[in-house]
Amino acid sequence: MKESKRNLPPRPAKLPIIGNLHQIQGMIHRCLHELSKKHGPVMHLQLGFVPLVLISSSEAAEEALKTHDIECCTRPNTNAARVFSRNNKNIGLGAYSDEWRELRKVAVREYFSVKKVQSFRYVREEENHLMVKKLRDLALKQSPVDLTKTLFCLAASFVSGQHKGLHKVFTEVDNFLNHMIDDHQNQPQDRSDIVGSLLDMIHNQEQDKSFKLTIDHLKGITQDIFLAGIDTSTITMIWAMAELVNNPRVMKKVQDEIRSCIGIKKERIEEEDLYKLQYLKLVIKETLRLHPAAPLLLPRETMADIKIQGYDIPRKTLLLVSAWSMGRDPKYWKNPEEFNPERFIDCPVDYKGHSFEFLPFGSGRRFCPGMASAIATIELTLLNLLYFFDWKLPEEMKDMNMEESGDVTIVKKVPLELLPVLYH
């Protein structure tokens, strides 16, 4: 069907060759949000020769991610995606295929299932305990803490069980993964963490299986965990702490809940302590609404012609869903720019992919399998930070800079530096 005969979504005026590329400037999610306010919640853009449809309403997202999930569940097959996914051997960027489905099953079973997440609780508890000890020393010295760096190293340690070399993850991913895998292979007696359990699977898998898990698959899964799970968990914790310091009422309320439920003499926090804490969970929900780590869900590509909100979406069109726009839509959220955890009291909306106005982890076949792990990390770490310490801005800092930075994931532009004060 020719474009002139299709009922394509509305779009801004485009230029020859470059299409709408000249209109994508600054923070991409904010730029696209402003364009969608002018052209509608289903908007067509032409990025060079690549057609793209931006979805920024709950109703349109439900059609794309639920009604047409099977037709929209692959990733764009670009050179960059093939390189970064190790030729489709990771979950996040791999194209939809039989191999991808098998790899996802393995990853869920061996790392992302609720049972597996609970089995790694001792790692989370121990690493948080070590973090608290270091923060206690800094608090006694009245030294500010770079929480951005501290929380990244903490989240990374949950995966590898070691601190060495973690600061190189972003620039030397492959070397770091090789180093980590070699360490585990040379110490077969100690494989109690995530990488170890996956190595055991590779060595013990049945020879007659059609799908063979390889070291490249292991690297792909581990890369998913590092560059998606760790990065996004850390970003969420940083934004949560920044919002709490900026909102003393909410900070006091969540700390009062924590300290009254747990008591004031506990030396070490355990995950059982989380079961009593409802307001802390509302704080995390509100952070995910206002600051989704990935404001635009990773792009999908249509595998067939479909219709969304009555518009024709041709095969091989990129689909971008703006979780950021939907999380700030005044149609669903009163005073959407305000940090107000109470909005989730007696509210059935959750982040499990069924409430399409709130999609920090996506939905459908591409729903983030690491949600349970991410939430476990965020909850326990914030609990430790808020139980043992009060937090304030360093003396030379008058206001918190809340500017954003990034593209795929949105971080706090200025590292979060706070002064921990021991709570007695």
Protein backbone atom coordinates (compact mmCIF):
# COMPACT_ATOMS: atom_id res chain seq x y z
CA MET A 1 0.00 0.00 0.00
CA LYS A 2 1.41 3.41 -0.96
CA GLU A 3 2.02 5.96 1.79
CA SER A 4 -0.57 8.31 0.26
CA LYS A 5 -3.27 5.66 0.68
CA ARG A 6 -2.34 4.80 4.26
CA ASN A 7 -3.85 6.50 7.27
CA LEU A 8 -0.49 7.22 8.89
CA PRO A 9 -0.29 9.00 12.26
CA PRO A 10 0.17 12.79 12.18
CA ARG A 11 3.73 14.08 12.04
CA PRO A 12 5.68 17.33 11.96
CA ALA A 13 6.71 18.72 8.59
CA LYS A 14 9.85 16.95 7.34
CA LEU A 15 12.81 17.90 5.18
CA PRO A 16 14.15 15.92 2.21
CA ILE A 17 16.59 13.13 3.10
CA ILE A 18 16.94 13.91 6.83
CA GLY A 19 13.20 13.85 7.52
CA ASN A 20 12.57 15.04 11.09
CA LEU A 21 16.11 14.57 12.42
CA HIS A 22 16.65 18.33 12.66
CA GLN A 23 13.77 18.56 15.16
CA ILE A 24 15.29 16.08 17.64
CA GLN A 25 17.45 18.26 19.85
CA GLY A 26 18.49 18.40 23.50
CA MET A 27 17.07 15.79 25.88
CA ILE A 28 15.41 13.37 23.47
CA HIS A 29 12.55 12.27 25.75
CA ARG A 30 11.61 15.88 26.53
CA CYS A 31 11.89 16.94 22.90
CA LEU A 32 9.63 14.07 21.76
CA HIS A 33 7.20 14.86 24.58
CA GLU A 34 6.82 18.44 23.34
CA LEU A 35 6.33 17.27 19.76
CA SER A 36 3.67 14.76 20.86
CA LYS A 37 1.76 17.53 22.65
CA LYS A 38 1.41 19.24 19.26
CA HIS A 39 0.85 16.22 17.03
CA GLY A 40 -0.87 13.67 19.26
CA PRO A 41 -0.15 10.55 21.35
CA VAL A 42 0.52 8.46 18.22
CA MET A 43 3.02 10.46 16.17
CA HIS A 44 4.88 9.54 12.98
CA LEU A 45 8.49 10.70 12.48
CA GLN A 46 10.95 10.10 9.66
CA LEU A 47 14.54 9.77 10.91
CA GLY A 48 16.48 9.85 7.67
CA PHE A 49 15.14 6.80 5.85
CA VAL A 50 13.84 5.13 9.04
CA PRO A 51 10.12 5.46 9.86
CA LEU A 52 9.35 5.77 13.57
CA VAL A 53 6.11 5.98 15.55
CA LEU A 54 6.14 7.51 19.04
CA ILE A 55 3.48 6.32 21.48
CA SER A 56 2.79 8.51 24.50
CA SER A 57 -0.66 7.56 25.81
CA SER A 58 -1.84 4.64 27.91
CA GLU A 59 -4.49 3.60 25.37
CA ALA A 60 -2.06 3.52 22.45
CA ALA A 61 0.58 1.73 24.55
CA GLU A 62 -1.93 -0.98 25.45
CA GLU A 63 -2.70 -1.59 21.78
CA ALA A 64 0.99 -1.77 20.86
CA LEU A 65 2.29 -3.78 23.82
CA LYS A 66 -0.72 -6.01 24.51
CA THR A 67 -3.09 -6.24 21.53
CA HIS A 68 -0.24 -6.32 18.98
CA ASP A 69 2.53 -7.61 21.23
CA ILE A 70 3.48 -10.53 18.99
CA GLU A 71 3.71 -8.30 15.89
CA CYS A 72 5.82 -5.71 17.76
CA CYS A 73 8.18 -7.77 19.89
CA THR A 74 11.39 -7.79 17.88
CA ARG A 75 14.23 -5.27 18.01
CA PRO A 76 15.59 -3.24 15.07
CA ASN A 77 18.21 -5.31 13.26
CA THR A 78 20.93 -2.65 13.05
CA ASN A 79 24.71 -3.12 12.96
CA ALA A 80 25.00 -1.46 16.37
CA ALA A 81 22.35 -3.76 17.87
CA ARG A 82 24.06 -6.86 16.46
CA VAL A 83 27.45 -5.81 17.86
CA PHE A 84 26.14 -4.81 21.27
CA SER A 85 23.93 -7.91 21.58
CA ARG A 86 26.87 -10.17 20.56
CA ASN A 87 24.98 -11.20 17.44
CA ASN A 88 21.63 -11.60 19.23
CA LYS A 89 23.02 -13.38 22.29
CA ASN A 90 21.60 -11.08 24.93
CA ILE A 91 18.04 -10.44 26.01
CA GLY A 92 17.76 -6.67 25.91
CA LEU A 93 18.71 -6.03 22.27
CA GLY A 94 18.46 -9.48 20.70
CA ALA A 95 16.01 -9.96 17.84
CA TYR A 96 12.91 -12.05 18.57
CA SER A 97 13.60 -15.68 17.60
CA ASP A 98 13.54 -19.23 18.95
CA GLU A 99 17.07 -18.70 20.29
CA TRP A 100 16.01 -15.48 22.05
CA ARG A 101 13.03 -17.21 23.69
CA GLU A 102 15.25 -20.04 24.96
CA LEU A 103 17.86 -17.60 26.24
CA ARG A 104 15.21 -15.61 28.09
CA LYS A 105 13.89 -18.81 29.70
CA VAL A 106 17.41 -19.68 30.90
CA ALA A 107 18.02 -16.17 32.22
CA VAL A 108 14.71 -16.09 34.08
CA ARG A 109 15.23 -19.54 35.57
CA GLU A 110 18.87 -19.02 36.58
CA TYR A 111 18.83 -15.40 37.68
CA PHE A 112 15.61 -13.41 37.34
CA SER A 113 12.97 -15.67 38.94
CA VAL A 114 11.62 -14.66 42.35
CA LYS A 115 13.13 -17.83 43.84
CA LYS A 116 16.57 -17.03 42.41
CA VAL A 117 16.38 -13.40 43.49
CA GLN A 118 15.61 -14.54 47.03
CA SER A 119 18.51 -17.01 46.94
CA PHE A 120 20.95 -14.11 46.43
CA ARG A 121 19.61 -12.14 49.37
CA TYR A 122 22.68 -12.94 51.49
CA VAL A 123 24.85 -11.13 48.90
CA ARG A 124 22.61 -8.05 49.02
CA GLU A 125 22.54 -8.05 52.82
CA GLU A 126 26.31 -8.48 53.16
CA GLU A 127 27.20 -5.83 50.57
CA ASN A 128 24.77 -3.37 52.17
CA HIS A 129 26.31 -4.09 55.57
CA LEU A 130 29.78 -3.32 54.17
CA MET A 131 28.46 -0.11 52.60
CA VAL A 132 26.96 1.01 55.92
CA LYS A 133 30.30 0.43 57.68
CA LYS A 134 32.11 2.64 55.15
CA LEU A 135 29.43 5.32 55.35
CA ARG A 136 29.61 5.23 59.14
CA ASP A 137 33.34 6.02 58.99
CA LEU A 138 32.68 8.94 56.64
CA ALA A 139 29.86 10.21 58.86
CA LEU A 140 32.19 10.23 61.88
CA LYS A 141 34.66 12.29 59.83
CA GLN A 142 31.81 14.55 58.66
CA SER A 143 32.85 13.84 55.07
CA PRO A 144 30.37 14.19 52.17
CA VAL A 145 29.68 11.03 50.15
CA ASP A 146 29.46 10.67 46.37
CA LEU A 147 26.36 8.48 46.41
CA THR A 148 26.42 8.12 42.63
CA LYS A 149 29.72 6.22 42.77
CA THR A 150 28.87 4.42 46.03
CA LEU A 151 25.55 3.06 44.78
CA PHE A 152 26.90 1.96 41.42
CA CYS A 153 29.69 -0.06 43.06
CA LEU A 154 27.19 -1.55 45.51
CA ALA A 155 24.77 -2.67 42.79
CA ALA A 156 27.60 -4.12 40.69
CA SER A 157 28.92 -6.12 43.63
CA PHE A 158 25.60 -7.99 43.83
CA VAL A 159 26.39 -9.59 40.47
CA SER A 160 30.07 -10.42 40.69
CA GLY A 161 30.59 -10.71 44.43
CA GLN A 162 33.74 -8.60 44.06
CA HIS A 163 34.65 -4.91 43.96
CA LYS A 164 37.83 -5.16 41.89
CA GLY A 165 37.58 -3.54 38.46
CA LEU A 166 33.93 -2.49 38.66
CA HIS A 167 34.70 1.13 37.79
CA LYS A 168 35.86 -0.08 34.34
CA VAL A 169 32.53 -1.64 33.38
CA PHE A 170 31.37 1.05 31.01
CA THR A 171 34.67 1.42 29.11
CA GLU A 172 35.98 -2.14 29.19
CA VAL A 173 32.90 -4.35 29.30
CA ASP A 174 34.34 -7.26 27.38
CA ASN A 175 37.68 -7.33 29.23
CA PHE A 176 35.87 -7.10 32.54
CA LEU A 177 33.51 -9.97 31.68
CA ASN A 178 36.43 -12.12 30.49
CA HIS A 179 38.27 -11.41 33.72
CA MET A 180 35.23 -12.23 35.84
CA ILE A 181 34.47 -15.47 33.97
CA ASP A 182 38.13 -16.58 34.09
CA ASP A 183 38.19 -15.99 37.85
CA HIS A 184 35.13 -18.20 38.29
CA GLN A 185 36.48 -20.94 36.02
CA ASN A 186 39.76 -21.00 37.96
CA GLN A 187 37.93 -21.30 41.29
CA PRO A 188 35.31 -24.00 40.69
CA GLN A 189 34.87 -24.61 44.41
CA ASP A 190 33.29 -21.18 44.92
CA ARG A 191 30.48 -20.61 42.45
CA SER A 192 27.73 -19.39 44.72
CA ASP A 193 26.95 -16.19 42.84
CA ILE A 194 25.14 -15.44 39.59
CA VAL A 195 28.04 -15.89 37.19
CA GLY A 196 29.00 -19.14 38.90
CA SER A 197 25.53 -20.62 38.60
CA LEU A 198 25.41 -19.83 34.87
CA LEU A 199 28.88 -21.36 34.32
CA ASP A 200 27.69 -24.52 36.05
CA MET A 201 24.73 -24.62 33.65
CA ILE A 202 27.03 -24.40 30.63
CA HIS A 203 29.22 -27.24 31.88
CA ASN A 204 26.36 -29.47 32.98
CA GLN A 205 23.83 -28.99 30.17
CA GLU A 206 22.65 -32.04 28.29
CA GLN A 207 24.54 -32.78 25.08
CA ASP A 208 21.42 -33.57 23.03
CA LYS A 209 19.67 -30.24 23.56
CA SER A 210 19.01 -28.22 20.41
CA PHE A 211 19.76 -24.92 22.19
CA LYS A 212 23.32 -24.76 23.57
CA LEU A 213 24.20 -22.16 26.16
CA THR A 214 27.68 -20.79 25.40
CA ILE A 215 30.17 -18.41 27.00
CA ASP A 216 28.90 -15.73 24.58
CA HIS A 217 25.38 -16.24 25.95
CA LEU A 218 26.79 -15.92 29.48
CA LYS A 219 28.50 -12.67 28.51
CA GLY A 220 25.27 -11.44 26.95
CA ILE A 221 23.20 -12.18 30.06
CA THR A 222 25.86 -10.69 32.36
CA GLN A 223 26.06 -7.62 30.14
CA ASP A 224 22.26 -7.31 30.38
CA ILE A 225 22.55 -7.36 34.16
CA PHE A 226 25.41 -4.86 34.32
CA LEU A 227 24.36 -2.32 31.72
CA ALA A 228 20.61 -2.57 32.28
CA GLY A 229 19.86 -3.90 35.75
CA ILE A 230 22.73 -2.28 37.62
CA ASP A 231 22.62 1.02 35.76
CA THR A 232 18.85 1.43 36.06
CA SER A 233 18.74 0.31 39.72
CA THR A 234 21.47 2.79 40.60
CA ILE A 235 19.76 5.62 38.71
CA THR A 236 16.49 4.95 40.56
CA MET A 237 18.19 4.96 43.97
CA ILE A 238 19.98 8.22 43.17
CA TRP A 239 16.79 9.97 42.06
CA ALA A 240 14.95 8.64 45.14
CA MET A 241 17.57 10.05 47.52
CA ALA A 242 17.66 13.36 45.63
CA GLU A 243 13.86 13.70 45.82
CA LEU A 244 13.82 12.79 49.51
CA VAL A 245 16.42 15.43 50.38
CA ASN A 246 14.41 17.92 48.30
CA ASN A 247 11.18 16.94 50.11
CA PRO A 248 11.83 16.95 53.89
CA ARG A 249 8.20 16.04 54.68
CA VAL A 250 8.45 12.82 52.69
CA MET A 251 11.94 12.09 54.09
CA LYS A 252 10.68 12.42 57.67
CA LYS A 253 7.61 10.29 56.99
CA VAL A 254 9.53 7.41 55.41
CA GLN A 255 12.25 7.47 58.10
CA ASP A 256 9.64 7.56 60.87
CA GLU A 257 7.97 4.49 59.36
CA ILE A 258 11.28 2.63 59.02
CA ARG A 259 12.55 3.38 62.51
CA SER A 260 9.25 2.77 64.27
CA CYS A 261 8.74 -0.59 62.52
CA ILE A 262 12.30 -1.87 62.89
CA GLY A 263 13.30 -0.26 66.18
CA ILE A 264 16.38 1.84 66.87
CA LYS A 265 18.96 -0.71 68.02
CA LYS A 266 19.30 -2.99 65.03
CA GLU A 267 22.92 -3.40 63.88
CA ARG A 268 22.22 -5.14 60.58
CA ILE A 269 19.24 -4.94 58.24
CA GLU A 270 17.68 -8.10 56.79
CA GLU A 271 15.25 -8.40 53.90
CA GLU A 272 12.48 -9.58 56.24
CA ASP A 273 12.44 -6.03 57.60
CA LEU A 274 11.01 -4.84 54.28
CA TYR A 275 7.70 -6.68 54.70
CA LYS A 276 6.42 -4.13 57.23
CA LEU A 277 7.31 -1.03 55.23
CA GLN A 278 4.54 0.28 52.99
CA TYR A 279 5.43 3.96 52.64
CA LEU A 280 8.99 3.14 51.50
CA LYS A 281 7.47 1.14 48.65
CA LEU A 282 5.27 4.11 47.71
CA VAL A 283 8.39 6.31 47.62
CA ILE A 284 9.99 3.89 45.17
CA LYS A 285 6.86 3.78 43.00
CA GLU A 286 6.74 7.57 42.87
CA THR A 287 10.42 7.73 41.93
CA LEU A 288 9.85 5.26 39.09
CA ARG A 289 6.88 7.33 37.88
CA LEU A 290 8.67 10.68 37.93
CA HIS A 291 12.15 9.44 36.97
CA PRO A 292 11.96 6.22 34.92
CA ALA A 293 15.59 5.25 34.32
CA ALA A 294 14.77 4.58 30.65
CA PRO A 295 12.20 7.27 29.76
CA LEU A 296 11.78 5.76 26.29
CA LEU A 297 11.36 1.99 26.31
CA LEU A 298 13.92 0.26 24.09
CA PRO A 299 12.69 0.47 20.48
CA ARG A 300 10.65 -2.31 18.96
CA GLU A 301 10.14 -3.02 15.27
CA THR A 302 6.86 -4.08 13.72
CA MET A 303 6.96 -7.47 11.99
CA ALA A 304 3.60 -6.94 10.22
CA ASP A 305 1.23 -4.14 9.24
CA ILE A 306 -0.90 -3.18 12.26
CA LYS A 307 -3.32 -0.48 13.40
CA ILE A 308 -2.92 1.60 16.56
CA GLN A 309 -5.69 4.04 17.54
CA GLY A 310 -7.02 3.70 13.99
CA TYR A 311 -3.74 4.64 12.33
CA ASP A 312 -1.86 2.38 9.91
CA ILE A 313 1.57 1.31 11.17
CA PRO A 314 3.50 -0.42 8.34
CA ARG A 315 5.78 -3.40 8.77
CA LYS A 316 9.41 -2.58 9.74
CA THR A 317 8.45 0.64 11.53
CA LEU A 318 10.31 1.49 14.73
CA LEU A 319 8.03 1.86 17.76
CA LEU A 320 9.08 4.04 20.69
CA VAL A 321 6.93 4.09 23.84
CA SER A 322 7.43 7.09 26.12
CA ALA A 323 7.11 5.85 29.70
CA TRP A 324 8.19 9.35 30.75
CA SER A 325 5.27 11.07 29.01
CA MET A 326 2.70 8.64 30.39
CA GLY A 327 4.11 8.96 33.91
CA ARG A 328 3.50 12.71 33.76
CA ASP A 329 0.17 12.71 31.93
CA PRO A 330 -2.30 14.92 33.89
CA LYS A 331 -5.10 12.70 32.55
CA TYR A 332 -3.91 9.97 34.95
CA TRP A 333 -1.86 11.84 37.57
CA LYS A 334 -2.93 14.87 39.61
CA ASN A 335 -0.15 17.47 39.80
CA PRO A 336 2.15 15.14 37.84
CA GLU A 337 5.34 17.18 38.38
CA GLU A 338 4.99 16.93 42.17
CA PHE A 339 6.83 14.21 44.13
CA ASN A 340 3.94 12.79 46.16
CA PRO A 341 4.12 9.09 47.17
CA GLU A 342 0.65 9.32 48.76
CA ARG A 343 -0.88 9.26 45.27
CA PHE A 344 -0.30 5.47 45.28
CA ILE A 345 -2.22 4.82 48.53
CA ASP A 346 -5.19 2.53 47.72
CA CYS A 347 -4.20 2.81 44.05
CA PRO A 348 -4.28 -0.42 41.99
CA VAL A 349 -1.60 0.85 39.57
CA ASP A 350 1.62 -1.20 39.69
CA TYR A 351 4.85 -1.48 37.70
CA LYS A 352 4.35 -5.08 36.51
CA GLY A 353 3.34 -4.14 32.97
CA HIS A 354 -0.45 -4.28 33.39
CA SER A 355 -1.06 -0.58 34.14
CA PHE A 356 -0.21 1.13 30.86
CA GLU A 357 -0.01 4.62 32.35
CA PHE A 358 2.94 3.40 34.45
CA LEU A 359 5.54 1.34 32.55
CA PRO A 360 9.01 1.76 34.11
CA PHE A 361 9.80 -1.89 33.27
CA GLY A 362 7.87 -2.11 30.00
CA SER A 363 5.18 -4.67 29.17
CA GLY A 364 4.47 -7.76 27.10
CA ARG A 365 7.06 -10.16 25.73
CA ARG A 366 9.76 -7.51 26.17
CA PHE A 367 8.87 -6.81 29.80
CA CYS A 368 12.07 -6.39 31.81
CA PRO A 369 12.82 -9.83 33.33
CA GLY A 370 15.04 -8.21 35.96
CA MET A 371 12.24 -6.31 37.69
CA ALA A 372 12.22 -8.47 40.84
CA SER A 373 16.00 -8.20 41.17
CA ALA A 374 15.95 -4.43 40.61
CA ILE A 375 13.21 -3.84 43.18
CA ALA A 376 14.97 -6.06 45.75
CA THR A 377 18.18 -4.05 45.27
CA ILE A 378 16.45 -0.67 45.46
CA GLU A 379 14.30 -1.50 48.50
CA LEU A 380 17.08 -2.98 50.64
CA THR A 381 19.62 -0.29 49.79
CA LEU A 382 17.26 2.62 50.47
CA LEU A 383 16.21 0.94 53.71
CA ASN A 384 19.84 0.82 54.88
CA LEU A 385 20.55 4.41 53.85
CA LEU A 386 17.43 5.76 55.57
CA TYR A 387 17.61 3.64 58.73
CA PHE A 388 21.21 4.24 59.77
CA PHE A 389 21.67 7.83 58.58
CA ASP A 390 20.06 11.20 58.24
CA TRP A 391 21.08 13.04 55.09
CA LYS A 392 21.72 16.68 54.27
CA LEU A 393 23.39 18.82 51.64
CA PRO A 394 27.07 19.67 52.17
CA GLU A 395 27.50 23.10 53.75
CA GLU A 396 28.74 24.76 50.56
CA MET A 397 25.68 23.55 48.59
CA LYS A 398 22.53 25.65 48.93
CA ASP A 399 20.21 23.81 46.54
CA MET A 400 20.00 20.40 44.91
CA ASN A 401 20.71 20.46 41.18
CA MET A 402 18.02 18.24 39.60
CA GLU A 403 19.13 18.60 35.97
CA GLU A 404 19.07 15.48 33.79
CA SER A 405 21.69 14.04 31.49
CA GLY A 406 21.84 11.07 29.12
CA ASP A 407 19.91 9.57 26.24
CA VAL A 408 18.92 5.89 26.65
CA THR A 409 19.03 6.15 30.44
CA ILE A 410 18.57 9.47 32.22
CA VAL A 411 20.92 10.17 35.09
CA LYS A 412 21.24 13.08 37.45
CA LYS A 413 23.56 15.48 35.61
CA VAL A 414 25.52 16.47 38.72
CA PRO A 415 26.67 13.51 40.88
CA LEU A 416 24.68 13.17 44.09
CA GLU A 417 26.90 14.32 46.95
CA LEU A 418 25.35 14.26 50.42
CA LEU A 419 26.54 14.41 54.01
CA PRO A 420 25.59 11.33 56.09
CA VAL A 421 24.73 11.96 59.74
CA LEU A 422 24.68 8.93 62.03
CA TYR A 423 21.26 8.32 63.55
CA HIS A 424 21.51 7.24 67.19
